[in-house]
Protein backbone atom coordinates (compact mmCIF):
# COMPACT_ATOMS: atom_id res chain seq x y z
CA UNK A 1 43.44 121.68 114.66
CA UNK A 2 46.18 123.46 112.61
CA UNK A 3 48.29 124.50 115.24
CA UNK A 4 49.96 121.07 115.83
CA UNK A 5 49.88 120.53 112.09
CA UNK A 6 51.76 123.38 112.00
CA UNK A 7 54.45 123.22 114.68
CA UNK A 8 54.77 120.15 112.61
CA UNK A 9 55.65 121.39 109.17
CA UNK A 10 57.99 123.91 111.16
CA UNK A 11 59.56 121.58 112.98
CA UNK A 12 59.81 118.98 109.72
CA UNK A 13 61.15 121.36 107.37
CA UNK A 14 63.67 122.60 110.40
CA UNK A 15 65.12 118.92 110.64
CA UNK A 16 65.10 118.70 106.72
CA UNK A 17 67.12 122.03 106.44
CA UNK A 18 69.77 121.23 109.55
CA UNK A 19 69.96 117.40 107.29
CA UNK A 20 70.96 119.56 104.27
CA UNK A 21 73.10 121.90 105.43
CA UNK A 22 74.82 118.31 107.60
CA UNK A 23 75.18 116.75 104.12
CA UNK A 24 76.09 119.42 101.95
CA UNK A 25 79.41 119.52 105.05
CA UNK A 26 80.07 116.02 104.60
CA UNK A 27 79.84 116.67 100.69
CA UNK A 28 82.57 118.87 100.76
CA UNK A 29 84.22 117.19 103.28
CA UNK A 30 84.96 113.84 101.35
CA UNK A 31 85.32 116.13 97.90
CA UNK A 32 88.01 117.31 99.80
CA UNK A 33 89.27 113.68 101.29
CA UNK A 34 89.39 113.45 97.71
CA UNK A 35 90.81 115.49 96.17
CA UNK A 36 93.90 115.51 98.74
CA UNK A 37 94.30 111.44 97.97
CA UNK A 38 94.38 112.66 95.34
CA UNK A 39 97.71 115.00 95.34
CA UNK A 40 98.98 112.32 96.97
CA UNK A 41 98.99 110.30 93.64
CA UNK A 42 100.31 112.93 91.41
CA UNK A 43 102.78 113.30 94.13
CA UNK A 44 103.94 109.95 94.17
CA UNK A 45 103.78 109.84 90.28
CA UNK A 46 106.02 112.84 89.83
CA UNK A 47 108.88 110.73 92.39
CA UNK A 48 108.33 108.12 89.90
CA UNK A 49 109.41 109.84 87.45
CA UNK A 50 112.02 111.86 88.78
CA UNK A 51 113.71 108.99 89.61
CA UNK A 52 114.31 107.09 86.00
CA UNK A 53 117.44 107.14 84.39
CA UNK A 54 115.69 108.97 81.17
CA UNK A 55 113.34 110.99 82.94
CA UNK A 56 111.64 113.68 80.09
CA UNK A 57 111.90 117.12 81.99
CA UNK A 58 109.28 119.03 80.28
CA UNK A 59 106.60 116.34 81.57
CA UNK A 60 108.75 117.16 85.06
CA UNK A 61 107.98 120.76 84.72
CA UNK A 62 104.76 120.64 83.95
CA UNK A 63 102.98 118.59 86.10
CA UNK A 64 105.24 120.27 88.92
CA UNK A 65 103.02 123.33 88.17
CA UNK A 66 99.80 120.96 87.84
CA UNK A 67 100.27 120.08 91.54
CA UNK A 68 101.51 123.36 92.90
CA UNK A 69 98.57 124.83 90.99
CA UNK A 70 95.92 122.85 92.41
CA UNK A 71 96.90 120.59 95.09
CA UNK A 72 98.45 123.77 97.07
CA UNK A 73 95.86 123.60 100.30
CA UNK A 74 96.72 119.81 100.58
CA UNK A 75 100.70 119.72 100.06
CA UNK A 76 103.12 120.52 103.10
CA UNK A 77 105.90 123.28 102.77
CA UNK A 78 108.65 120.27 102.62
CA UNK A 79 106.69 118.84 99.98
CA UNK A 80 106.16 122.63 98.17
CA UNK A 81 110.18 123.07 98.24
CA UNK A 82 110.72 119.31 96.57
CA UNK A 83 108.92 119.81 93.89
CA UNK A 84 110.13 123.27 93.09
CA UNK A 85 113.50 121.58 93.23
CA UNK A 86 112.46 118.50 91.41
CA UNK A 87 111.39 121.51 88.95
CA UNK A 88 114.27 124.08 88.59
CA UNK A 89 117.01 121.19 88.70
CA UNK A 90 115.69 118.84 86.07
CA UNK A 91 118.47 117.61 83.56
CA UNK A 92 117.22 114.65 80.99
CA UNK A 93 121.34 113.98 81.72
CA UNK A 94 120.81 113.14 85.31
């Protein structure tokens, strides 16, 4: 009687362990997806700030630094180049 109970317990613990691994992977993927969406929103915001006639260059430069730091894994080389352009060429007179 003990042997089937032991087998059942081992099988149950194995399934719980595997399901926890899958849950962790899913949570990590959802977290990365949320971070990527946040980065897209930050880039859209900075594009809008850049297009304003009375742009605040200090704010743009600060935002660019933040995006480059926090979103480096979620932006393309083209987006990175565009952000660097904004930072390097921001002038309130433009």
